[in-house]
C-alpha cells in the first residue's frame, strides 16, 4: 500500500510544536507535487497543470514550507511585512500557520492595483 503524507489535507493537531513537524516529509510532498506540475506542463496537459496547481496552493504542506522560507530561512526574515509583523519565534510561526490555514483563498477578492503615470 502506498504511504500518503499526513500534511496533504489535514491540519496539524492543535498542540503541535514547530520543531515537531516532520520537515522531510513536508518538503518531499511539496517537491513531488511541483515535479508533477512540471511534467504535466512539458506534456502540454493544461487541465492537469491547473488542477495540480490548485492542489498545491490549497495544501497545508505548501503553507508550512512558505512560512518556513519567509520567516526562518529568508535573509530578510527580520523585516516586517505589509502588516507590520514578523514571526521570529517558533510559537509565532505556528500561530501564523493556524491563522492562515483558517482563511479561504477562494473568498479572497483583492482590489485592483492602482496605475500611476509618471511625467
PDB file of N, CA and C in Angstrom:
ATOM      1  N   UNK A   1       0.839  -1.173   0.000  1.00  0.00           N
ATOM      2  CA  UNK A   1       0.000   0.000   0.000  1.00  0.00           C
ATOM      3  C   UNK A   1       0.889   1.242   0.000  1.00  0.00           C
ATOM      4  N   UNK A   2       0.440   2.252  -0.664  1.00  0.00           N
ATOM      5  CA  UNK A   2       1.202   3.482  -0.810  1.00  0.00           C
ATOM      6  C   UNK A   2       1.027   4.378   0.407  1.00  0.00           C
ATOM      7  N   UNK A   3       2.122   4.907   0.905  1.00  0.00           N
ATOM      8  CA  UNK A   3       2.075   5.801   2.053  1.00  0.00           C
ATOM      9  C   UNK A   3       1.784   7.217   1.581  1.00  0.00           C
ATOM     10  N   UNK A   4       0.794   7.850   2.189  1.00  0.00           N
ATOM     11  CA  UNK A   4       0.472   9.227   1.821  1.00  0.00           C
ATOM     12  C   UNK A   4       0.891  10.154   2.941  1.00  0.00           C
ATOM     13  N   UNK A   5       1.159  11.364   2.588  1.00  0.00           N
ATOM     14  CA  UNK A   5       1.602  12.349   3.555  1.00  0.00           C
ATOM     15  C   UNK A   5       0.433  12.795   4.423  1.00  0.00           C
ATOM     16  N   UNK A   6       0.716  12.970   5.704  1.00  0.00           N
ATOM     17  CA  UNK A   6      -0.329  13.427   6.623  1.00  0.00           C
ATOM     18  C   UNK A   6      -0.562  14.923   6.495  1.00  0.00           C
ATOM     19  N   UNK A   7       0.266  15.605   5.701  1.00  0.00           N
ATOM     20  CA  UNK A   7       0.140  17.053   5.559  1.00  0.00           C
ATOM     21  C   UNK A   7      -0.683  17.432   4.336  1.00  0.00           C
ATOM     22  N   UNK A   8      -1.240  16.433   3.647  1.00  0.00           N
ATOM     23  CA  UNK A   8      -1.956  16.712   2.414  1.00  0.00           C
ATOM     24  C   UNK A   8      -3.203  17.544   2.654  1.00  0.00           C
ATOM     25  N   UNK A   9      -4.175  16.990   3.364  1.00  0.00           N
ATOM     26  CA  UNK A   9      -5.435  17.707   3.545  1.00  0.00           C
ATOM     27  C   UNK A   9      -5.705  18.053   5.000  1.00  0.00           C
ATOM     28  N   UNK A  10      -5.131  17.287   5.912  1.00  0.00           N
ATOM     29  CA  UNK A  10      -5.427  17.505   7.321  1.00  0.00           C
ATOM     30  C   UNK A  10      -4.580  18.646   7.869  1.00  0.00           C
ATOM     31  N   UNK A  11      -5.080  19.228   8.923  1.00  0.00           N
ATOM     32  CA  UNK A  11      -4.299  20.252   9.601  1.00  0.00           C
ATOM     33  C   UNK A  11      -3.498  19.591  10.701  1.00  0.00           C
ATOM     34  N   UNK A  12      -2.573  20.300  11.244  1.00  0.00           N
ATOM     35  CA  UNK A  12      -1.777  19.770  12.336  1.00  0.00           C
ATOM     36  C   UNK A  12      -2.619  19.735  13.600  1.00  0.00           C
ATOM     37  N   UNK A  13      -2.357  18.789  14.492  1.00  0.00           N
ATOM     38  CA  UNK A  13      -3.058  18.801  15.780  1.00  0.00           C
ATOM     39  C   UNK A  13      -2.785  20.107  16.512  1.00  0.00           C
ATOM     40  N   UNK A  14      -3.729  20.589  17.296  1.00  0.00           N
ATOM     41  CA  UNK A  14      -3.588  21.909  17.932  1.00  0.00           C
ATOM     42  C   UNK A  14      -2.376  22.035  18.857  1.00  0.00           C
ATOM     43  N   UNK A  15      -1.875  20.938  19.401  1.00  0.00           N
ATOM     44  CA  UNK A  15      -0.762  21.026  20.333  1.00  0.00           C
ATOM     45  C   UNK A  15       0.594  20.794  19.672  1.00  0.00           C
ATOM     46  N   UNK A  16       0.641  20.827  18.342  1.00  0.00           N
ATOM     47  CA  UNK A  16       1.889  20.588  17.618  1.00  0.00           C
ATOM     48  C   UNK A  16       2.827  21.777  17.785  1.00  0.00           C
ATOM     49  N   UNK A  17       4.083  21.468  18.023  1.00  0.00           N
ATOM     50  CA  UNK A  17       5.112  22.492  18.109  1.00  0.00           C
ATOM     51  C   UNK A  17       5.829  22.590  16.767  1.00  0.00           C
ATOM     52  N   UNK A  18       6.445  23.735  16.500  1.00  0.00           N
ATOM     53  CA  UNK A  18       7.117  23.974  15.220  1.00  0.00           C
ATOM     54  C   UNK A  18       8.241  22.966  14.993  1.00  0.00           C
ATOM     55  N   UNK A  19       8.964  22.624  16.043  1.00  0.00           N
ATOM     56  CA  UNK A  19      10.081  21.699  15.909  1.00  0.00           C
ATOM     57  C   UNK A  19       9.638  20.248  15.779  1.00  0.00           C
ATOM     58  N   UNK A  20       8.388  19.941  16.051  1.00  0.00           N
ATOM     59  CA  UNK A  20       7.884  18.574  15.939  1.00  0.00           C
ATOM     60  C   UNK A  20       7.448  18.220  14.520  1.00  0.00           C
ATOM     61  N   UNK A  21       7.389  19.186  13.649  1.00  0.00           N
ATOM     62  CA  UNK A  21       6.939  18.949  12.279  1.00  0.00           C
ATOM     63  C   UNK A  21       7.990  18.130  11.543  1.00  0.00           C
ATOM     64  N   UNK A  22       7.541  17.120  10.825  1.00  0.00           N
ATOM     65  CA  UNK A  22       8.439  16.261  10.055  1.00  0.00           C
ATOM     66  C   UNK A  22       8.739  16.955   8.728  1.00  0.00           C
ATOM     67  N   UNK A  23       9.779  17.784   8.723  1.00  0.00           N
ATOM     68  CA  UNK A  23      10.078  18.625   7.576  1.00  0.00           C
ATOM     69  C   UNK A  23      10.505  17.819   6.361  1.00  0.00           C
ATOM     70  N   UNK A  24      11.085  16.654   6.578  1.00  0.00           N
ATOM     71  CA  UNK A  24      11.487  15.818   5.450  1.00  0.00           C
ATOM     72  C   UNK A  24      10.271  15.435   4.608  1.00  0.00           C
ATOM     73  N   UNK A  25       9.200  14.978   5.256  1.00  0.00           N
ATOM     74  CA  UNK A  25       8.005  14.565   4.518  1.00  0.00           C
ATOM     75  C   UNK A  25       7.254  15.757   3.923  1.00  0.00           C
ATOM     76  N   UNK A  26       7.254  16.867   4.639  1.00  0.00           N
ATOM     77  CA  UNK A  26       6.580  18.063   4.122  1.00  0.00           C
ATOM     78  C   UNK A  26       7.276  18.544   2.849  1.00  0.00           C
ATOM     79  N   UNK A  27       8.598  18.685   2.913  1.00  0.00           N
ATOM     80  CA  UNK A  27       9.351  19.134   1.739  1.00  0.00           C
ATOM     81  C   UNK A  27       9.243  18.140   0.590  1.00  0.00           C
ATOM     82  N   UNK A  28       9.263  16.857   0.908  1.00  0.00           N
ATOM     83  CA  UNK A  28       9.167  15.822  -0.116  1.00  0.00           C
ATOM     84  C   UNK A  28       7.813  15.876  -0.837  1.00  0.00           C
ATOM     85  N   UNK A  29       6.735  16.081  -0.075  1.00  0.00           N
ATOM     86  CA  UNK A  29       5.400  16.166  -0.674  1.00  0.00           C
ATOM     87  C   UNK A  29       5.299  17.367  -1.613  1.00  0.00           C
ATOM     88  N   UNK A  30       5.777  18.518  -1.177  1.00  0.00           N
ATOM     89  CA  UNK A  30       5.708  19.737  -1.994  1.00  0.00           C
ATOM     90  C   UNK A  30       6.568  19.583  -3.244  1.00  0.00           C
ATOM     91  N   UNK A  31       7.758  19.031  -3.082  1.00  0.00           N
ATOM     92  CA  UNK A  31       8.646  18.856  -4.230  1.00  0.00           C
ATOM     93  C   UNK A  31       8.060  17.894  -5.268  1.00  0.00           C
ATOM     94  N   UNK A  32       7.463  16.808  -4.813  1.00  0.00           N
ATOM     95  CA  UNK A  32       6.844  15.860  -5.747  1.00  0.00           C
ATOM     96  C   UNK A  32       5.673  16.495  -6.492  1.00  0.00           C
ATOM     97  N   UNK A  33       4.898  17.289  -5.796  1.00  0.00           N
ATOM     98  CA  UNK A  33       3.780  17.969  -6.443  1.00  0.00           C
ATOM     99  C   UNK A  33       4.280  18.971  -7.468  1.00  0.00           C
ATOM    100  N   UNK A  34       5.349  19.682  -7.166  1.00  0.00           N
ATOM    101  CA  UNK A  34       5.930  20.619  -8.121  1.00  0.00           C
ATOM    102  C   UNK A  34       6.505  19.887  -9.336  1.00  0.00           C
ATOM    103  N   UNK A  35       7.084  18.717  -9.120  1.00  0.00           N
ATOM    104  CA  UNK A  35       7.590  17.925 -10.238  1.00  0.00           C
ATOM    105  C   UNK A  35       6.453  17.431 -11.130  1.00  0.00           C
ATOM    106  N   UNK A  36       5.333  17.066 -10.514  1.00  0.00           N
ATOM    107  CA  UNK A  36       4.185  16.638 -11.307  1.00  0.00           C
ATOM    108  C   UNK A  36       3.650  17.780 -12.161  1.00  0.00           C
ATOM    109  N   UNK A  37       3.655  18.993 -11.605  1.00  0.00           N
ATOM    110  CA  UNK A  37       3.213  20.159 -12.365  1.00  0.00           C
ATOM    111  C   UNK A  37       4.152  20.393 -13.542  1.00  0.00           C
ATOM    112  N   UNK A  38       5.443  20.279 -13.305  1.00  0.00           N
ATOM    113  CA  UNK A  38       6.426  20.484 -14.375  1.00  0.00           C
ATOM    114  C   UNK A  38       6.233  19.454 -15.488  1.00  0.00           C
ATOM    115  N   UNK A  39       6.051  18.176 -15.107  1.00  0.00           N
ATOM    116  CA  UNK A  39       5.871  17.133 -16.119  1.00  0.00           C
ATOM    117  C   UNK A  39       4.593  17.336 -16.925  1.00  0.00           C
ATOM    118  N   UNK A  40       3.524  17.721 -16.251  1.00  0.00           N
ATOM    119  CA  UNK A  40       2.264  17.961 -16.948  1.00  0.00           C
ATOM    120  C   UNK A  40       2.389  19.148 -17.902  1.00  0.00           C
ATOM    121  N   UNK A  41       3.144  20.168 -17.504  1.00  0.00           N
ATOM    122  CA  UNK A  41       3.363  21.329 -18.373  1.00  0.00           C
ATOM    123  C   UNK A  41       4.185  20.930 -19.595  1.00  0.00           C
ATOM    124  N   UNK A  42       5.197  20.092 -19.398  1.00  0.00           N
ATOM    125  CA  UNK A  42       6.018  19.629 -20.526  1.00  0.00           C
ATOM    126  C   UNK A  42       5.195  18.825 -21.519  1.00  0.00           C
ATOM    127  N   UNK A  43       4.231  18.078 -21.008  1.00  0.00           N
ATOM    128  CA  UNK A  43       3.367  17.286 -21.876  1.00  0.00           C
ATOM    129  C   UNK A  43       2.250  18.120 -22.502  1.00  0.00           C
ATOM    130  N   UNK A  44       2.063  19.336 -22.023  1.00  0.00           N
ATOM    131  CA  UNK A  44       1.048  20.224 -22.580  1.00  0.00           C
ATOM    132  C   UNK A  44      -0.350  19.954 -22.060  1.00  0.00           C
ATOM    133  N   UNK A  45      -0.469  19.273 -20.932  1.00  0.00           N
ATOM    134  CA  UNK A  45      -1.778  18.959 -20.355  1.00  0.00           C
ATOM    135  C   UNK A  45      -2.213  20.109 -19.444  1.00  0.00           C
ATOM    136  N   UNK A  46      -2.860  21.099 -20.015  1.00  0.00           N
ATOM    137  CA  UNK A  46      -3.229  22.323 -19.301  1.00  0.00           C
ATOM    138  C   UNK A  46      -4.190  22.057 -18.143  1.00  0.00           C
ATOM    139  N   UNK A  47      -5.154  21.168 -18.345  1.00  0.00           N
ATOM    140  CA  UNK A  47      -6.132  20.877 -17.295  1.00  0.00           C
ATOM    141  C   UNK A  47      -5.456  20.259 -16.071  1.00  0.00           C
ATOM    142  N   UNK A  48      -4.546  19.321 -16.320  1.00  0.00           N
ATOM    143  CA  UNK A  48      -3.841  18.685 -15.213  1.00  0.00           C
ATOM    144  C   UNK A  48      -2.944  19.685 -14.490  1.00  0.00           C
ATOM    145  N   UNK A  49      -2.309  20.565 -15.235  1.00  0.00           N
ATOM    146  CA  UNK A  49      -1.471  21.602 -14.623  1.00  0.00           C
ATOM    147  C   UNK A  49      -2.319  22.477 -13.712  1.00  0.00           C
ATOM    148  N   UNK A  50      -3.455  22.909 -14.192  1.00  0.00           N
ATOM    149  CA  UNK A  50      -4.334  23.774 -13.405  1.00  0.00           C
ATOM    150  C   UNK A  50      -4.819  23.066 -12.140  1.00  0.00           C
ATOM    151  N   UNK A  51      -5.204  21.802 -12.275  1.00  0.00           N
ATOM    152  CA  UNK A  51      -5.685  21.048 -11.115  1.00  0.00           C
ATOM    153  C   UNK A  51      -4.574  20.817 -10.094  1.00  0.00           C
ATOM    154  N   UNK A  52      -3.376  20.511 -10.568  1.00  0.00           N
ATOM    155  CA  UNK A  52      -2.259  20.299  -9.657  1.00  0.00           C
ATOM    156  C   UNK A  52      -1.836  21.593  -8.979  1.00  0.00           C
ATOM    157  N   UNK A  53      -1.877  22.701  -9.711  1.00  0.00           N
ATOM    158  CA  UNK A  53      -1.556  23.993  -9.104  1.00  0.00           C
ATOM    159  C   UNK A  53      -2.571  24.338  -8.020  1.00  0.00           C
ATOM    160  N   UNK A  54      -3.824  24.062  -8.285  1.00  0.00           N
ATOM    161  CA  UNK A  54      -4.867  24.310  -7.293  1.00  0.00           C
ATOM    162  C   UNK A  54      -4.630  23.451  -6.050  1.00  0.00           C
ATOM    163  N   UNK A  55      -4.255  22.191  -6.277  1.00  0.00           N
ATOM    164  CA  UNK A  55      -3.960  21.292  -5.165  1.00  0.00           C
ATOM    165  C   UNK A  55      -2.772  21.795  -4.347  1.00  0.00           C
ATOM    166  N   UNK A  56      -1.760  22.291  -5.018  1.00  0.00           N
ATOM    167  CA  UNK A  56      -0.572  22.812  -4.335  1.00  0.00           C
ATOM    168  C   UNK A  56      -0.898  24.057  -3.522  1.00  0.00           C
ATOM    169  N   UNK A  57      -1.656  24.961  -4.078  1.00  0.00           N
ATOM    170  CA  UNK A  57      -1.977  26.207  -3.385  1.00  0.00           C
ATOM    171  C   UNK A  57      -2.827  25.938  -2.145  1.00  0.00           C
ATOM    172  N   UNK A  58      -3.705  24.959  -2.218  1.00  0.00           N
ATOM    173  CA  UNK A  58      -4.590  24.657  -1.093  1.00  0.00           C
ATOM    174  C   UNK A  58      -3.974  23.738  -0.046  1.00  0.00           C
ATOM    175  N   UNK A  59      -2.808  23.163  -0.324  1.00  0.00           N
ATOM    176  CA  UNK A  59      -2.245  22.186   0.601  1.00  0.00           C
ATOM    177  C   UNK A  59      -1.648  22.863   1.831  1.00  0.00           C
ATOM    178  N   UNK A  60      -1.770  22.194   2.962  1.00  0.00           N
ATOM    179  CA  UNK A  60      -1.197  22.692   4.213  1.00  0.00           C
ATOM    180  C   UNK A  60       0.324  22.576   4.185  1.00  0.00           C
ATOM    181  N   UNK A  61       0.833  21.591   3.459  1.00  0.00           N
ATOM    182  CA  UNK A  61       2.287  21.419   3.369  1.00  0.00           C
ATOM    183  C   UNK A  61       2.931  22.621   2.692  1.00  0.00           C
ATOM    184  N   UNK A  62       2.308  23.126   1.638  1.00  0.00           N
ATOM    185  CA  UNK A  62       2.859  24.293   0.954  1.00  0.00           C
ATOM    186  C   UNK A  62       2.822  25.518   1.858  1.00  0.00           C
ATOM    187  N   UNK A  63       1.777  25.623   2.666  1.00  0.00           N
ATOM    188  CA  UNK A  63       1.682  26.725   3.613  1.00  0.00           C
ATOM    189  C   UNK A  63       2.807  26.638   4.642  1.00  0.00           C
ATOM    190  N   UNK A  64       3.086  25.433   5.132  1.00  0.00           N
ATOM    191  CA  UNK A  64       4.178  25.253   6.079  1.00  0.00           C
ATOM    192  C   UNK A  64       5.526  25.613   5.454  1.00  0.00           C
ATOM    193  N   UNK A  65       5.767  25.156   4.232  1.00  0.00           N
ATOM    194  CA  UNK A  65       7.024  25.446   3.550  1.00  0.00           C
ATOM    195  C   UNK A  65       7.152  26.948   3.296  1.00  0.00           C
ATOM    196  N   UNK A  66       6.070  27.592   2.922  1.00  0.00           N
ATOM    197  CA  UNK A  66       6.097  29.037   2.667  1.00  0.00           C
ATOM    198  C   UNK A  66       6.436  29.820   3.931  1.00  0.00           C
ATOM    199  N   UNK A  67       5.816  29.446   5.034  1.00  0.00           N
ATOM    200  CA  UNK A  67       6.090  30.134   6.295  1.00  0.00           C
ATOM    201  C   UNK A  67       7.536  29.901   6.705  1.00  0.00           C
ATOM    202  N   UNK A  68       8.019  28.686   6.526  1.00  0.00           N
ATOM    203  CA  UNK A  68       9.411  28.383   6.889  1.00  0.00           C
ATOM    204  C   UNK A  68      10.388  29.206   6.050  1.00  0.00           C
ATOM    205  N   UNK A  69      10.106  29.320   4.755  1.00  0.00           N
ATOM    206  CA  UNK A  69      11.003  30.081   3.874  1.00  0.00           C
ATOM    207  C   UNK A  69      11.007  31.565   4.218  1.00  0.00           C
ATOM    208  N   UNK A  70       9.839  32.120   4.461  1.00  0.00           N
ATOM    209  CA  UNK A  70       9.731  33.561   4.697  1.00  0.00           C
ATOM    210  C   UNK A  70      10.191  33.949   6.096  1.00  0.00           C
ATOM    211  N   UNK A  71       9.829  33.143   7.097  1.00  0.00           N
ATOM    212  CA  UNK A  71      10.077  33.544   8.481  1.00  0.00           C
ATOM    213  C   UNK A  71      11.282  32.880   9.121  1.00  0.00           C
ATOM    214  N   UNK A  72      11.919  31.915   8.441  1.00  0.00           N
ATOM    215  CA  UNK A  72      13.013  31.230   9.087  1.00  0.00           C
ATOM    216  C   UNK A  72      14.287  31.214   8.249  1.00  0.00           C
ATOM    217  N   UNK A  73      14.197  30.876   6.982  1.00  0.00           N
ATOM    218  CA  UNK A  73      15.403  30.735   6.174  1.00  0.00           C
ATOM    219  C   UNK A  73      15.701  31.944   5.295  1.00  0.00           C
ATOM    220  N   UNK A  74      14.747  32.830   5.140  1.00  0.00           N
ATOM    221  CA  UNK A  74      14.925  34.002   4.291  1.00  0.00           C
ATOM    222  C   UNK A  74      15.921  34.981   4.917  1.00  0.00           C
ATOM    223  N   UNK A  75      16.728  35.606   4.083  1.00  0.00           N
ATOM    224  CA  UNK A  75      17.720  36.570   4.561  1.00  0.00           C
ATOM    225  C   UNK A  75      17.046  37.781   5.225  1.00  0.00           C
ATOM    226  N   UNK A  76      15.893  38.192   4.720  1.00  0.00           N
ATOM    227  CA  UNK A  76      15.185  39.348   5.262  1.00  0.00           C
ATOM    228  C   UNK A  76      14.094  38.981   6.237  1.00  0.00           C
ATOM    229  N   UNK A  77      14.302  37.939   7.036  1.00  0.00           N
ATOM    230  CA  UNK A  77      13.261  37.443   7.931  1.00  0.00           C
ATOM    231  C   UNK A  77      12.930  38.408   9.064  1.00  0.00           C
ATOM    232  N   UNK A  78      13.833  39.328   9.378  1.00  0.00           N
ATOM    233  CA  UNK A  78      13.568  40.279  10.460  1.00  0.00           C
ATOM    234  C   UNK A  78      12.829  41.515   9.972  1.00  0.00           C
ATOM    235  N   UNK A  79      12.641  41.615   8.663  1.00  0.00           N
ATOM    236  CA  UNK A  79      11.931  42.752   8.086  1.00  0.00           C
ATOM    237  C   UNK A  79      10.429  42.504   8.172  1.00  0.00           C
ATOM    238  N   UNK A  80       9.716  43.472   8.688  1.00  0.00           N
ATOM    239  CA  UNK A  80       8.266  43.338   8.825  1.00  0.00           C
ATOM    240  C   UNK A  80       7.599  43.377   7.456  1.00  0.00           C
ATOM    241  N   UNK A  81       6.473  42.687   7.345  1.00  0.00           N
ATOM    242  CA  UNK A  81       5.722  42.674   6.101  1.00  0.00           C
ATOM    243  C   UNK A  81       4.804  43.865   5.999  1.00  0.00           C
ATOM    244  N   UNK A  82       3.849  43.808   5.092  1.00  0.00           N
ATOM    245  CA  UNK A  82       2.934  44.929   4.904  1.00  0.00           C
ATOM    246  C   UNK A  82       2.023  45.115   6.107  1.00  0.00           C
ATOM    247  N   UNK A  83       1.823  44.065   6.901  1.00  0.00           N
ATOM    248  CA  UNK A  83       1.008  44.182   8.100  1.00  0.00           C
ATOM    249  C   UNK A  83       1.806  44.667   9.303  1.00  0.00           C
ATOM    250  N   UNK A  84       3.135  44.829   9.131  1.00  0.00           N
ATOM    251  CA  UNK A  84       3.975  45.336  10.198  1.00  0.00           C
ATOM    252  C   UNK A  84       4.382  44.294  11.215  1.00  0.00           C
ATOM    253  N   UNK A  85       4.197  43.009  10.925  1.00  0.00           N
ATOM    254  CA  UNK A  85       4.513  41.946  11.876  1.00  0.00           C
ATOM    255  C   UNK A  85       5.610  41.037  11.346  1.00  0.00           C
ATOM    256  N   UNK A  86       6.346  40.452  12.279  1.00  0.00           N
ATOM    257  CA  UNK A  86       7.341  39.435  11.956  1.00  0.00           C
ATOM    258  C   UNK A  86       7.035  38.201  12.791  1.00  0.00           C
ATOM    259  N   UNK A  87       7.492  37.040  12.325  1.00  0.00           N
ATOM    260  CA  UNK A  87       7.295  35.789  13.054  1.00  0.00           C
ATOM    261  C   UNK A  87       8.671  35.184  13.295  1.00  0.00           C
ATOM    262  N   UNK A  88       9.332  35.659  14.348  1.00  0.00           N
ATOM    263  CA  UNK A  88      10.696  35.216  14.612  1.00  0.00           C
ATOM    264  C   UNK A  88      10.770  33.985  15.507  1.00  0.00           C
ATOM    265  N   UNK A  89       9.810  33.804  16.381  1.00  0.00           N
ATOM    266  CA  UNK A  89       9.860  32.643  17.274  1.00  0.00           C
ATOM    267  C   UNK A  89       9.034  31.492  16.695  1.00  0.00           C
ATOM    268  N   UNK A  90       9.315  30.290  17.182  1.00  0.00           N
ATOM    269  CA  UNK A  90       8.576  29.115  16.720  1.00  0.00           C
ATOM    270  C   UNK A  90       7.095  29.208  17.076  1.00  0.00           C
ATOM    271  N   UNK A  91       6.803  29.787  18.219  1.00  0.00           N
ATOM    272  CA  UNK A  91       5.404  29.955  18.647  1.00  0.00           C
ATOM    273  C   UNK A  91       4.659  30.894  17.688  1.00  0.00           C
ATOM    274  N   UNK A  92       5.328  31.963  17.265  1.00  0.00           N
ATOM    275  CA  UNK A  92       4.721  32.896  16.308  1.00  0.00           C
ATOM    276  C   UNK A  92       4.485  32.238  14.954  1.00  0.00           C
ATOM    277  N   UNK A  93       5.414  31.381  14.534  1.00  0.00           N
ATOM    278  CA  UNK A  93       5.278  30.703  13.237  1.00  0.00           C
ATOM    279  C   UNK A  93       4.107  29.736  13.233  1.00  0.00           C
ATOM    280  N   UNK A  94       3.945  28.973  14.299  1.00  0.00           N
ATOM    281  CA  UNK A  94       2.847  28.007  14.343  1.00  0.00           C
ATOM    282  C   UNK A  94       1.515  28.749  14.459  1.00  0.00           C
ATOM    283  N   UNK A  95       1.507  29.905  15.161  1.00  0.00           N
ATOM    284  CA  UNK A  95       0.288  30.718  15.241  1.00  0.00           C
ATOM    285  C   UNK A  95      -0.058  31.280  13.858  1.00  0.00           C
ATOM    286  N   UNK A  96       0.957  31.708  13.121  1.00  0.00           N
ATOM    287  CA  UNK A  96       0.747  32.206  11.764  1.00  0.00           C
ATOM    288  C   UNK A  96       0.172  31.113  10.865  1.00  0.00           C
ATOM    289  N   UNK A  97       0.672  29.889  11.025  1.00  0.00           N
ATOM    290  CA  UNK A  97       0.152  28.768  10.242  1.00  0.00           C
ATOM    291  C   UNK A  97      -1.327  28.553  10.518  1.00  0.00           C
ATOM    292  N   UNK A  98      -1.720  28.531  11.786  1.00  0.00           N
ATOM    293  CA  UNK A  98      -3.129  28.299  12.118  1.00  0.00           C
ATOM    294  C   UNK A  98      -4.017  29.452  11.645  1.00  0.00           C
ATOM    295  N   UNK A  99      -3.502  30.680  11.752  1.00  0.00           N
ATOM    296  CA  UNK A  99      -4.285  31.829  11.283  1.00  0.00           C
ATOM    297  C   UNK A  99      -4.499  31.771   9.773  1.00  0.00           C
ATOM    298  N   UNK A 100      -3.437  31.455   9.028  1.00  0.00           N
ATOM    299  CA  UNK A 100      -3.546  31.410   7.565  1.00  0.00           C
ATOM    300  C   UNK A 100      -4.327  30.192   7.076  1.00  0.00           C
ATOM    301  N   UNK A 101      -4.269  29.093   7.826  1.00  0.00           N
ATOM    302  CA  UNK A 101      -4.984  27.901   7.380  1.00  0.00           C
ATOM    303  C   UNK A 101      -6.495  28.057   7.550  1.00  0.00           C
ATOM    304  N   UNK A 102      -6.913  28.967   8.427  1.00  0.00           N
ATOM    305  CA  UNK A 102      -8.350  29.217   8.583  1.00  0.00           C
ATOM    306  C   UNK A 102      -8.917  30.087   7.461  1.00  0.00           C
ATOM    307  N   UNK A 103      -8.052  30.825   6.778  1.00  0.00           N
ATOM    308  CA  UNK A 103      -8.510  31.689   5.684  1.00  0.00           C
ATOM    309  C   UNK A 103      -8.830  30.850   4.461  1.00  0.00           C
ATOM    310  N   UNK A 104      -9.794  31.282   3.690  1.00  0.00           N
ATOM    311  CA  UNK A 104     -10.165  30.582   2.471  1.00  0.00           C
ATOM    312  C   UNK A 104      -9.699  31.407   1.285  1.00  0.00           C
ATOM    313  N   UNK A 105      -8.817  30.844   0.490  1.00  0.00           N
ATOM    314  CA  UNK A 105      -8.222  31.579  -0.629  1.00  0.00           C
ATOM    315  C   UNK A 105      -9.241  31.890  -1.716  1.00  0.00           C
ATOM    316  N   UNK A 106     -10.281  31.077  -1.824  1.00  0.00           N
ATOM    317  CA  UNK A 106     -11.280  31.307  -2.867  1.00  0.00           C
ATOM    318  C   UNK A 106     -12.157  32.516  -2.568  1.00  0.00           C
ATOM    319  N   UNK A 107     -12.266  32.884  -1.295  1.00  0.00           N
ATOM    320  CA  UNK A 107     -13.089  34.036  -0.934  1.00  0.00           C
ATOM    321  C   UNK A 107     -12.308  35.337  -0.953  1.00  0.00           C
ATOM    322  N   UNK A 108     -11.008  35.239  -1.213  1.00  0.00           N
ATOM    323  CA  UNK A 108     -10.167  36.433  -1.261  1.00  0.00           C
ATOM    324  C   UNK A 108     -10.431  37.193  -2.553  1.00  0.00           C
ATOM    325  N   UNK A 109     -10.775  38.446  -2.436  1.00  0.00           N
ATOM    326  CA  UNK A 109     -11.072  39.271  -3.588  1.00  0.00           C
ATOM    327  C   UNK A 109     -10.204  40.533  -3.514  1.00  0.00           C
ATOM    328  N   UNK A 110      -8.992  40.482  -4.069  1.00  0.00           N
ATOM    329  CA  UNK A 110      -8.096  41.631  -3.945  1.00  0.00           C
ATOM    330  C   UNK A 110      -8.576  42.820  -4.769  1.00  0.00           C
ATOM    331  N   UNK A 111      -8.219  44.000  -4.308  1.00  0.00           N
ATOM    332  CA  UNK A 111      -8.544  45.207  -5.047  1.00  0.00           C
ATOM    333  C   UNK A 111      -7.571  45.332  -6.218  1.00  0.00           C
ATOM    334  N   UNK A 112      -8.018  45.905  -7.313  1.00  0.00           N
ATOM    335  CA  UNK A 112      -7.097  46.080  -8.446  1.00  0.00           C
ATOM    336  C   UNK A 112      -5.983  47.059  -8.083  1.00  0.00           C
ATOM    337  N   UNK A 113      -4.832  46.858  -8.699  1.00  0.00           N
ATOM    338  CA  UNK A 113      -3.718  47.748  -8.422  1.00  0.00           C
ATOM    339  C   UNK A 113      -3.990  49.118  -9.039  1.00  0.00           C
ATOM    340  N   UNK A 114      -3.405  50.122  -8.446  1.00  0.00           N
ATOM    341  CA  UNK A 114      -3.628  51.483  -8.905  1.00  0.00           C
ATOM    342  C   UNK A 114      -2.508  51.852  -9.862  1.00  0.00           C
ATOM    343  N   UNK A 115      -2.878  52.288 -11.018  1.00  0.00           N
ATOM    344  CA  UNK A 115      -1.895  52.661 -12.027  1.00  0.00           C
ATOM    345  C   UNK A 115      -1.594  54.145 -11.929  1.00  0.00           C
ATOM    346  N   UNK A 116      -0.313  54.461 -11.868  1.00  0.00           N
ATOM    347  CA  UNK A 116       0.103  55.862 -11.859  1.00  0.00           C
ATOM    348  C   UNK A 116       1.035  56.095 -13.037  1.00  0.00           C
ATOM    349  N   UNK A 117       0.826  57.197 -13.693  1.00  0.00           N
ATOM    350  CA  UNK A 117       1.651  57.558 -14.841  1.00  0.00           C
ATOM    351  C   UNK A 117       2.661  58.595 -14.416  1.00  0.00           C
ATOM    352  N   UNK A 118       3.875  58.390 -14.825  1.00  0.00           N
ATOM    353  CA  UNK A 118       4.888  59.395 -14.493  1.00  0.00           C
ATOM    354  C   UNK A 118       5.021  60.373 -15.668  1.00  0.00           C
ATOM    355  N   UNK A 119       5.470  61.526 -15.374  1.00  0.00           N
ATOM    356  CA  UNK A 119       5.742  62.601 -16.356  1.00  0.00           C
ATOM    357  C   UNK A 119       4.545  63.152 -17.002  1.00  0.00           C
TER     358      UNK A 119
END
